Amino acid sequence: MIELSVNKFRANLKDFVDKAIEEHQAIRINRRSGKDFIVISAEDWEREQETMYVLRNNSLMNQVAESQATYEKNSGFKPSQEELDAINRI
């Protein structure tokens, strides 16, 4: 995470916004008042929101745990070659 003062951020706003968007860098802006804020791209924010939704959803987390368990046992669903071909054509 990049950390800088609000004055430096303001002076180089476009460059730091481009970093947040293109390089997916979170930027922590330090203020004299001590009330800092974070700048991230909308894409990163949306991804974080989706992650938080999954983490809060017990049903989805149970599905993830079950999937991980079957993967570790090598006993999960194994598509046929025909099914793989159909998926790859999409």
Protein backbone atom coordinates (compact mmCIF):
# COMPACT_ATOMS: atom_id res chain seq x y z
CA MET A 1 0.00 0.00 0.00
CA ILE A 2 1.24 3.45 -0.88
CA GLU A 3 1.06 6.00 1.97
CA LEU A 4 1.35 9.73 1.50
CA SER A 5 0.15 13.07 2.75
CA VAL A 6 -3.02 14.65 1.46
CA ASN A 7 -0.92 17.50 0.03
CA LYS A 8 1.27 15.13 -2.01
CA PHE A 9 -1.85 13.26 -3.15
CA ARG A 10 -3.55 16.48 -4.22
CA ALA A 11 -0.45 17.66 -6.10
CA ASN A 12 -0.21 14.39 -8.04
CA LEU A 13 -3.86 13.36 -8.13
CA LYS A 14 -3.94 12.02 -11.69
CA ASP A 15 -0.78 9.92 -11.23
CA PHE A 16 -2.02 8.33 -8.01
CA VAL A 17 -5.50 7.69 -9.40
CA ASP A 18 -3.90 6.02 -12.43
CA LYS A 19 -1.82 3.83 -10.07
CA ALA A 20 -4.94 2.83 -8.17
CA ILE A 21 -6.77 1.93 -11.38
CA GLU A 22 -4.05 0.44 -13.56
CA GLU A 23 -1.75 -1.16 -10.97
CA HIS A 24 -4.44 -2.00 -8.41
CA GLN A 25 -2.47 -0.14 -5.75
CA ALA A 26 -4.35 0.91 -2.64
CA ILE A 27 -3.34 4.39 -1.50
CA ARG A 28 -3.59 5.52 2.11
CA ILE A 29 -3.87 9.29 2.41
CA ASN A 30 -2.65 10.64 5.75
CA ARG A 31 -4.29 13.79 7.08
CA ARG A 32 -3.03 16.01 9.87
CA SER A 33 -6.31 15.47 11.71
CA GLY A 34 -5.51 11.76 11.88
CA LYS A 35 -8.59 10.78 9.89
CA ASP A 36 -6.90 8.97 7.02
CA PHE A 37 -8.69 7.57 3.98
CA ILE A 38 -7.99 4.94 1.34
CA VAL A 39 -8.24 5.32 -2.43
CA ILE A 40 -8.85 2.17 -4.49
CA SER A 41 -10.25 1.58 -7.96
CA ALA A 42 -13.96 0.89 -8.39
CA GLU A 43 -13.06 -2.54 -9.79
CA ASP A 44 -11.06 -3.40 -6.66
CA TRP A 45 -13.82 -2.09 -4.40
CA GLU A 46 -16.44 -4.21 -6.17
CA ARG A 47 -14.22 -7.29 -5.90
CA GLU A 48 -13.78 -6.66 -2.16
CA GLN A 49 -17.55 -6.30 -1.75
CA GLU A 50 -18.11 -9.64 -3.50
CA THR A 51 -15.51 -11.29 -1.27
CA MET A 52 -17.15 -9.88 1.86
CA TYR A 53 -20.54 -11.13 0.66
CA VAL A 54 -19.21 -14.67 0.25
CA LEU A 55 -17.41 -14.60 3.60
CA ARG A 56 -20.60 -13.49 5.39
CA ASN A 57 -22.76 -16.10 3.65
CA ASN A 58 -22.65 -19.36 5.65
CA SER A 59 -24.21 -21.39 2.85
CA LEU A 60 -21.58 -20.29 0.33
CA MET A 61 -18.75 -20.82 2.82
CA ASN A 62 -20.03 -24.37 3.46
CA GLN A 63 -20.00 -25.01 -0.29
CA VAL A 64 -16.43 -23.75 -0.49
CA ALA A 65 -15.39 -26.00 2.42
CA GLU A 66 -17.09 -29.04 0.85
CA SER A 67 -15.46 -28.31 -2.48
CA GLN A 68 -12.03 -27.99 -0.85
CA ALA A 69 -12.54 -31.30 0.98
CA THR A 70 -13.50 -33.19 -2.19
CA TYR A 71 -10.56 -31.60 -4.03
CA GLU A 72 -8.11 -32.71 -1.33
CA LYS A 73 -9.52 -36.26 -1.47
CA ASN A 74 -9.44 -36.15 -5.28
CA SER A 75 -13.07 -37.24 -5.18
CA GLY A 76 -14.78 -34.23 -6.71
CA PHE A 77 -16.69 -34.01 -9.96
CA LYS A 78 -14.65 -35.00 -12.98
CA PRO A 79 -16.18 -33.91 -16.27
CA SER A 80 -15.97 -36.21 -19.27
CA GLN A 81 -13.93 -35.22 -22.29
CA GLU A 82 -17.17 -34.38 -24.09
CA GLU A 83 -18.19 -32.02 -21.26
CA LEU A 84 -14.75 -30.39 -21.30
CA ASP A 85 -14.97 -29.91 -25.05
CA ALA A 86 -18.40 -28.29 -24.66
CA ILE A 87 -17.07 -25.93 -21.99
CA ASN A 88 -14.03 -24.97 -24.06
CA ARG A 89 -16.17 -24.12 -27.09
CA ILE A 90 -17.98 -21.39 -25.17
